[in-house]
Amino acid sequence: LRNTYMLLGMTLAFSALTAFFAVATGLR
């Protein structure tokens, strides 16, 4: 449970960064 929530937090943050990149570049 501890490792899952730690990894989930990091992957959500990374996913948010790639989503921001897609918005900024207009990626489709």
PDB file of all heavy atoms in Angstrom:
ATOM      1  N   LEU A   1       0.828  -1.204   0.000  1.00  0.00           N
ATOM      2  CA  LEU A   1       0.000   0.000   0.000  1.00  0.00           C
ATOM      3  C   LEU A   1       0.866   1.258   0.000  1.00  0.00           C
ATOM      4  O   LEU A   1       0.608   2.199  -0.766  1.00  0.00           O
ATOM      5  CB  LEU A   1      -0.913  -0.009   1.231  1.00  0.00           C
ATOM      6  CG  LEU A   1      -1.979   1.086   1.293  1.00  0.00           C
ATOM      7  CD1 LEU A   1      -3.006   0.886   0.193  1.00  0.00           C
ATOM      8  CD2 LEU A   1      -2.668   1.086   2.658  1.00  0.00           C
ATOM      9  N   ARG A   2       1.911   1.273   0.815  1.00  0.00           N
ATOM     10  CA  ARG A   2       2.811   2.431   0.885  1.00  0.00           C
ATOM     11  C   ARG A   2       3.512   2.661  -0.457  1.00  0.00           C
ATOM     12  O   ARG A   2       3.528   3.784  -0.977  1.00  0.00           O
ATOM     13  CB  ARG A   2       3.854   2.222   1.986  1.00  0.00           C
ATOM     14  CG  ARG A   2       4.803   3.411   2.163  1.00  0.00           C
ATOM     15  CD  ARG A   2       5.920   3.105   3.127  1.00  0.00           C
ATOM     16  NE  ARG A   2       6.837   2.102   2.592  1.00  0.00           N
ATOM     17  CZ  ARG A   2       7.009   0.898   3.103  1.00  0.00           C
ATOM     18  NH1 ARG A   2       6.324   0.524   4.171  1.00  0.00           N
ATOM     19  NH2 ARG A   2       7.866   0.038   2.554  1.00  0.00           N
ATOM     20  N   ASN A   3       4.052   1.596  -1.018  1.00  0.00           N
ATOM     21  CA  ASN A   3       4.753   1.728  -2.296  1.00  0.00           C
ATOM     22  C   ASN A   3       3.806   2.110  -3.434  1.00  0.00           C
ATOM     23  O   ASN A   3       4.179   2.865  -4.337  1.00  0.00           O
ATOM     24  CB  ASN A   3       5.472   0.422  -2.640  1.00  0.00           C
ATOM     25  CG  ASN A   3       6.641   0.136  -1.727  1.00  0.00           C
ATOM     26  OD1 ASN A   3       7.152   1.034  -1.058  1.00  0.00           O
ATOM     27  ND2 ASN A   3       7.077  -1.109  -1.672  1.00  0.00           N
ATOM     28  N   THR A   4       2.584   1.584  -3.372  1.00  0.00           N
ATOM     29  CA  THR A   4       1.598   1.908  -4.405  1.00  0.00           C
ATOM     30  C   THR A   4       1.262   3.391  -4.394  1.00  0.00           C
ATOM     31  O   THR A   4       1.258   4.049  -5.445  1.00  0.00           O
ATOM     32  CB  THR A   4       0.311   1.090  -4.202  1.00  0.00           C
ATOM     33  OG1 THR A   4       0.602  -0.298  -4.348  1.00  0.00           O
ATOM     34  CG2 THR A   4      -0.754   1.490  -5.213  1.00  0.00           C
ATOM     35  N   TYR A   5       0.991   3.939  -3.207  1.00  0.00           N
ATOM     36  CA  TYR A   5       0.620   5.356  -3.127  1.00  0.00           C
ATOM     37  C   TYR A   5       1.795   6.265  -3.481  1.00  0.00           C
ATOM     38  O   TYR A   5       1.602   7.338  -4.070  1.00  0.00           O
ATOM     39  CB  TYR A   5       0.073   5.687  -1.739  1.00  0.00           C
ATOM     40  CG  TYR A   5      -1.349   5.235  -1.524  1.00  0.00           C
ATOM     41  CD1 TYR A   5      -1.810   4.841  -0.275  1.00  0.00           C
ATOM     42  CD2 TYR A   5      -2.252   5.196  -2.587  1.00  0.00           C
ATOM     43  CE1 TYR A   5      -3.118   4.433  -0.085  1.00  0.00           C
ATOM     44  CE2 TYR A   5      -3.553   4.787  -2.411  1.00  0.00           C
ATOM     45  CZ  TYR A   5      -3.994   4.408  -1.163  1.00  0.00           C
ATOM     46  OH  TYR A   5      -5.291   4.004  -0.989  1.00  0.00           O
ATOM     47  N   MET A   6       3.005   5.855  -3.133  1.00  0.00           N
ATOM     48  CA  MET A   6       4.183   6.644  -3.510  1.00  0.00           C
ATOM     49  C   MET A   6       4.352   6.670  -5.024  1.00  0.00           C
ATOM     50  O   MET A   6       4.547   7.741  -5.625  1.00  0.00           O
ATOM     51  CB  MET A   6       5.435   6.070  -2.846  1.00  0.00           C
ATOM     52  CG  MET A   6       5.557   6.342  -1.359  1.00  0.00           C
ATOM     53  SD  MET A   6       7.051   5.588  -0.628  1.00  0.00           S
ATOM     54  CE  MET A   6       8.329   6.383  -1.586  1.00  0.00           C
ATOM     55  N   LEU A   7       4.254   5.497  -5.655  1.00  0.00           N
ATOM     56  CA  LEU A   7       4.408   5.422  -7.102  1.00  0.00           C
ATOM     57  C   LEU A   7       3.237   6.100  -7.805  1.00  0.00           C
ATOM     58  O   LEU A   7       3.430   6.773  -8.831  1.00  0.00           O
ATOM     59  CB  LEU A   7       4.515   3.961  -7.545  1.00  0.00           C
ATOM     60  CG  LEU A   7       4.768   3.719  -9.037  1.00  0.00           C
ATOM     61  CD1 LEU A   7       6.047   4.410  -9.497  1.00  0.00           C
ATOM     62  CD2 LEU A   7       4.837   2.216  -9.327  1.00  0.00           C
ATOM     63  N   LEU A   8       2.039   5.955  -7.256  1.00  0.00           N
ATOM     64  CA  LEU A   8       0.870   6.594  -7.852  1.00  0.00           C
ATOM     65  C   LEU A   8       1.024   8.109  -7.846  1.00  0.00           C
ATOM     66  O   LEU A   8       0.714   8.776  -8.845  1.00  0.00           O
ATOM     67  CB  LEU A   8      -0.394   6.191  -7.087  1.00  0.00           C
ATOM     68  CG  LEU A   8      -1.713   6.770  -7.611  1.00  0.00           C
ATOM     69  CD1 LEU A   8      -2.004   6.260  -9.024  1.00  0.00           C
ATOM     70  CD2 LEU A   8      -2.865   6.394  -6.667  1.00  0.00           C
ATOM     71  N   GLY A   9       1.513   8.661  -6.739  1.00  0.00           N
ATOM     72  CA  GLY A   9       1.726  10.102  -6.657  1.00  0.00           C
ATOM     73  C   GLY A   9       2.725  10.581  -7.701  1.00  0.00           C
ATOM     74  O   GLY A   9       2.509  11.606  -8.361  1.00  0.00           O
ATOM     75  N   MET A  10       3.822   9.838  -7.865  1.00  0.00           N
ATOM     76  CA  MET A  10       4.844  10.226  -8.847  1.00  0.00           C
ATOM     77  C   MET A  10       4.331  10.108 -10.281  1.00  0.00           C
ATOM     78  O   MET A  10       4.591  10.978 -11.117  1.00  0.00           O
ATOM     79  CB  MET A  10       6.097   9.365  -8.656  1.00  0.00           C
ATOM     80  CG  MET A  10       6.879   9.668  -7.388  1.00  0.00           C
ATOM     81  SD  MET A  10       8.470   8.791  -7.292  1.00  0.00           S
ATOM     82  CE  MET A  10       7.906   7.114  -6.994  1.00  0.00           C
ATOM     83  N   THR A  11       3.576   9.040 -10.571  1.00  0.00           N
ATOM     84  CA  THR A  11       3.073   8.867 -11.936  1.00  0.00           C
ATOM     85  C   THR A  11       1.984   9.888 -12.266  1.00  0.00           C
ATOM     86  O   THR A  11       1.885  10.345 -13.414  1.00  0.00           O
ATOM     87  CB  THR A  11       2.524   7.441 -12.143  1.00  0.00           C
ATOM     88  OG1 THR A  11       1.564   7.132 -11.118  1.00  0.00           O
ATOM     89  CG2 THR A  11       3.637   6.423 -12.104  1.00  0.00           C
ATOM     90  N   LEU A  12       1.183  10.270 -11.282  1.00  0.00           N
ATOM     91  CA  LEU A  12       0.171  11.308 -11.519  1.00  0.00           C
ATOM     92  C   LEU A  12       0.849  12.646 -11.821  1.00  0.00           C
ATOM     93  O   LEU A  12       0.407  13.391 -12.704  1.00  0.00           O
ATOM     94  CB  LEU A  12      -0.746  11.443 -10.306  1.00  0.00           C
ATOM     95  CG  LEU A  12      -1.790  10.332 -10.120  1.00  0.00           C
ATOM     96  CD1 LEU A  12      -2.501  10.490  -8.783  1.00  0.00           C
ATOM     97  CD2 LEU A  12      -2.809  10.344 -11.263  1.00  0.00           C
ATOM     98  N   ALA A  13       1.925  12.940 -11.091  1.00  0.00           N
ATOM     99  CA  ALA A  13       2.667  14.177 -11.343  1.00  0.00           C
ATOM    100  C   ALA A  13       3.297  14.157 -12.740  1.00  0.00           C
ATOM    101  O   ALA A  13       3.257  15.153 -13.470  1.00  0.00           O
ATOM    102  CB  ALA A  13       3.743  14.361 -10.279  1.00  0.00           C
ATOM    103  N   PHE A  14       3.869  13.002 -13.121  1.00  0.00           N
ATOM    104  CA  PHE A  14       4.479  12.887 -14.441  1.00  0.00           C
ATOM    105  C   PHE A  14       3.422  12.990 -15.534  1.00  0.00           C
ATOM    106  O   PHE A  14       3.640  13.630 -16.574  1.00  0.00           O
ATOM    107  CB  PHE A  14       5.219  11.549 -14.548  1.00  0.00           C
ATOM    108  CG  PHE A  14       5.926  11.345 -15.855  1.00  0.00           C
ATOM    109  CD1 PHE A  14       6.963  12.183 -16.237  1.00  0.00           C
ATOM    110  CD2 PHE A  14       5.554  10.310 -16.710  1.00  0.00           C
ATOM    111  CE1 PHE A  14       7.618  12.005 -17.456  1.00  0.00           C
ATOM    112  CE2 PHE A  14       6.204  10.123 -17.924  1.00  0.00           C
ATOM    113  CZ  PHE A  14       7.234  10.978 -18.293  1.00  0.00           C
ATOM    114  N   SER A  15       2.273  12.389 -15.304  1.00  0.00           N
ATOM    115  CA  SER A  15       1.179  12.457 -16.267  1.00  0.00           C
ATOM    116  C   SER A  15       0.697  13.893 -16.432  1.00  0.00           C
ATOM    117  O   SER A  15       0.360  14.324 -17.546  1.00  0.00           O
ATOM    118  CB  SER A  15       0.027  11.560 -15.810  1.00  0.00           C
ATOM    119  OG  SER A  15      -1.019  11.553 -16.753  1.00  0.00           O
ATOM    120  N   ALA A  16       0.653  14.641 -15.330  1.00  0.00           N
ATOM    121  CA  ALA A  16       0.253  16.049 -15.400  1.00  0.00           C
ATOM    122  C   ALA A  16       1.248  16.856 -16.232  1.00  0.00           C
ATOM    123  O   ALA A  16       0.857  17.749 -17.001  1.00  0.00           O
ATOM    124  CB  ALA A  16       0.144  16.629 -13.991  1.00  0.00           C
ATOM    125  N   LEU A  17       2.538  16.539 -16.102  1.00  0.00           N
ATOM    126  CA  LEU A  17       3.567  17.239 -16.878  1.00  0.00           C
ATOM    127  C   LEU A  17       3.417  16.958 -18.377  1.00  0.00           C
ATOM    128  O   LEU A  17       3.509  17.872 -19.198  1.00  0.00           O
ATOM    129  CB  LEU A  17       4.961  16.815 -16.413  1.00  0.00           C
ATOM    130  CG  LEU A  17       5.465  17.406 -15.091  1.00  0.00           C
ATOM    131  CD1 LEU A  17       6.808  16.800 -14.707  1.00  0.00           C
ATOM    132  CD2 LEU A  17       5.574  18.923 -15.188  1.00  0.00           C
ATOM    133  N   THR A  18       3.175  15.706 -18.731  1.00  0.00           N
ATOM    134  CA  THR A  18       3.012  15.377 -20.148  1.00  0.00           C
ATOM    135  C   THR A  18       1.710  15.967 -20.696  1.00  0.00           C
ATOM    136  O   THR A  18       1.651  16.342 -21.879  1.00  0.00           O
ATOM    137  CB  THR A  18       3.036  13.856 -20.373  1.00  0.00           C
ATOM    138  OG1 THR A  18       1.996  13.225 -19.608  1.00  0.00           O
ATOM    139  CG2 THR A  18       4.386  13.270 -19.973  1.00  0.00           C
ATOM    140  N   ALA A  19       0.690  16.055 -19.857  1.00  0.00           N
ATOM    141  CA  ALA A  19      -0.563  16.688 -20.296  1.00  0.00           C
ATOM    142  C   ALA A  19      -0.329  18.176 -20.556  1.00  0.00           C
ATOM    143  O   ALA A  19      -0.826  18.729 -21.556  1.00  0.00           O
ATOM    144  CB  ALA A  19      -1.644  16.505 -19.236  1.00  0.00           C
ATOM    145  N   PHE A  20       0.426  18.829 -19.679  1.00  0.00           N
ATOM    146  CA  PHE A  20       0.768  20.241 -19.871  1.00  0.00           C
ATOM    147  C   PHE A  20       1.571  20.425 -21.156  1.00  0.00           C
ATOM    148  O   PHE A  20       1.340  21.378 -21.916  1.00  0.00           O
ATOM    149  CB  PHE A  20       1.561  20.757 -18.668  1.00  0.00           C
ATOM    150  CG  PHE A  20       2.031  22.174 -18.816  1.00  0.00           C
ATOM    151  CD1 PHE A  20       1.162  23.241 -18.618  1.00  0.00           C
ATOM    152  CD2 PHE A  20       3.349  22.455 -19.167  1.00  0.00           C
ATOM    153  CE1 PHE A  20       1.585  24.559 -18.772  1.00  0.00           C
ATOM    154  CE2 PHE A  20       3.787  23.763 -19.317  1.00  0.00           C
ATOM    155  CZ  PHE A  20       2.903  24.821 -19.125  1.00  0.00           C
ATOM    156  N   PHE A  21       2.487  19.506 -21.417  1.00  0.00           N
ATOM    157  CA  PHE A  21       3.286  19.567 -22.642  1.00  0.00           C
ATOM    158  C   PHE A  21       2.385  19.447 -23.876  1.00  0.00           C
ATOM    159  O   PHE A  21       2.562  20.181 -24.866  1.00  0.00           O
ATOM    160  CB  PHE A  21       4.323  18.444 -22.643  1.00  0.00           C
ATOM    161  CG  PHE A  21       5.061  18.281 -23.937  1.00  0.00           C
ATOM    162  CD1 PHE A  21       6.130  19.109 -24.256  1.00  0.00           C
ATOM    163  CD2 PHE A  21       4.673  17.300 -24.850  1.00  0.00           C
ATOM    164  CE1 PHE A  21       6.804  18.969 -25.464  1.00  0.00           C
ATOM    165  CE2 PHE A  21       5.353  17.148 -26.055  1.00  0.00           C
ATOM    166  CZ  PHE A  21       6.418  17.986 -26.361  1.00  0.00           C
ATOM    167  N   ALA A  22       1.424  18.538 -23.816  1.00  0.00           N
ATOM    168  CA  ALA A  22       0.515  18.343 -24.944  1.00  0.00           C
ATOM    169  C   ALA A  22      -0.347  19.576 -25.180  1.00  0.00           C
ATOM    170  O   ALA A  22      -0.609  19.952 -26.328  1.00  0.00           O
ATOM    171  CB  ALA A  22      -0.369  17.118 -24.696  1.00  0.00           C
ATOM    172  N   VAL A  23      -0.781  20.216 -24.094  1.00  0.00           N
ATOM    173  CA  VAL A  23      -1.576  21.440 -24.227  1.00  0.00           C
ATOM    174  C   VAL A  23      -0.731  22.558 -24.828  1.00  0.00           C
ATOM    175  O   VAL A  23      -1.170  23.289 -25.721  1.00  0.00           O
ATOM    176  CB  VAL A  23      -2.138  21.872 -22.854  1.00  0.00           C
ATOM    177  CG1 VAL A  23      -2.774  23.260 -22.944  1.00  0.00           C
ATOM    178  CG2 VAL A  23      -3.162  20.860 -22.347  1.00  0.00           C
ATOM    179  N   ALA A  24       0.504  22.697 -24.330  1.00  0.00           N
ATOM    180  CA  ALA A  24       1.390  23.784 -24.780  1.00  0.00           C
ATOM    181  C   ALA A  24       1.797  23.636 -26.240  1.00  0.00           C
ATOM    182  O   ALA A  24       1.966  24.632 -26.953  1.00  0.00           O
ATOM    183  CB  ALA A  24       2.625  23.839 -23.891  1.00  0.00           C
ATOM    184  N   THR A  25       1.947  22.399 -26.696  1.00  0.00           N
ATOM    185  CA  THR A  25       2.420  22.162 -28.062  1.00  0.00           C
ATOM    186  C   THR A  25       1.286  21.884 -29.047  1.00  0.00           C
ATOM    187  O   THR A  25       1.521  21.806 -30.250  1.00  0.00           O
ATOM    188  CB  THR A  25       3.399  20.973 -28.095  1.00  0.00           C
ATOM    189  OG1 THR A  25       2.740  19.795 -27.606  1.00  0.00           O
ATOM    190  CG2 THR A  25       4.629  21.264 -27.237  1.00  0.00           C
ATOM    191  N   GLY A  26       0.070  21.729 -28.518  1.00  0.00           N
ATOM    192  CA  GLY A  26      -1.062  21.423 -29.389  1.00  0.00           C
ATOM    193  C   GLY A  26      -1.012  20.014 -29.958  1.00  0.00           C
ATOM    194  O   GLY A  26      -1.544  19.738 -31.043  1.00  0.00           O
ATOM    195  N   LEU A  27      -0.391  19.104 -29.219  1.00  0.00           N
ATOM    196  CA  LEU A  27      -0.248  17.715 -29.674  1.00  0.00           C
ATOM    197  C   LEU A  27      -1.607  17.034 -29.786  1.00  0.00           C
ATOM    198  O   LEU A  27      -2.468  17.194 -28.922  1.00  0.00           O
ATOM    199  CB  LEU A  27       0.642  16.941 -28.699  1.00  0.00           C
ATOM    200  CG  LEU A  27       0.925  15.472 -29.030  1.00  0.00           C
ATOM    201  CD1 LEU A  27       1.809  15.380 -30.266  1.00  0.00           C
ATOM    202  CD2 LEU A  27       1.593  14.783 -27.851  1.00  0.00           C
ATOM    203  N   ARG A  28      -1.791  16.265 -30.839  1.00  0.00           N
ATOM    204  CA  ARG A  28      -3.026  15.510 -31.043  1.00  0.00           C
ATOM    205  C   ARG A  28      -2.692  14.037 -31.277  1.00  0.00           C
ATOM    206  O   ARG A  28      -1.722  13.727 -31.960  1.00  0.00           O
ATOM    207  CB  ARG A  28      -3.796  16.039 -32.260  1.00  0.00           C
ATOM    208  CG  ARG A  28      -4.296  17.479 -32.111  1.00  0.00           C
ATOM    209  CD  ARG A  28      -5.459  17.553 -31.129  1.00  0.00           C
ATOM    210  NE  ARG A  28      -6.033  18.882 -31.093  1.00  0.00           N
ATOM    211  CZ  ARG A  28      -5.628  19.857 -30.294  1.00  0.00           C
ATOM    212  NH1 ARG A  28      -4.602  19.632 -29.476  1.00  0.00           N
ATOM    213  NH2 ARG A  28      -6.226  21.023 -30.307  1.00  0.00           N
TER     214      ARG A  28
END
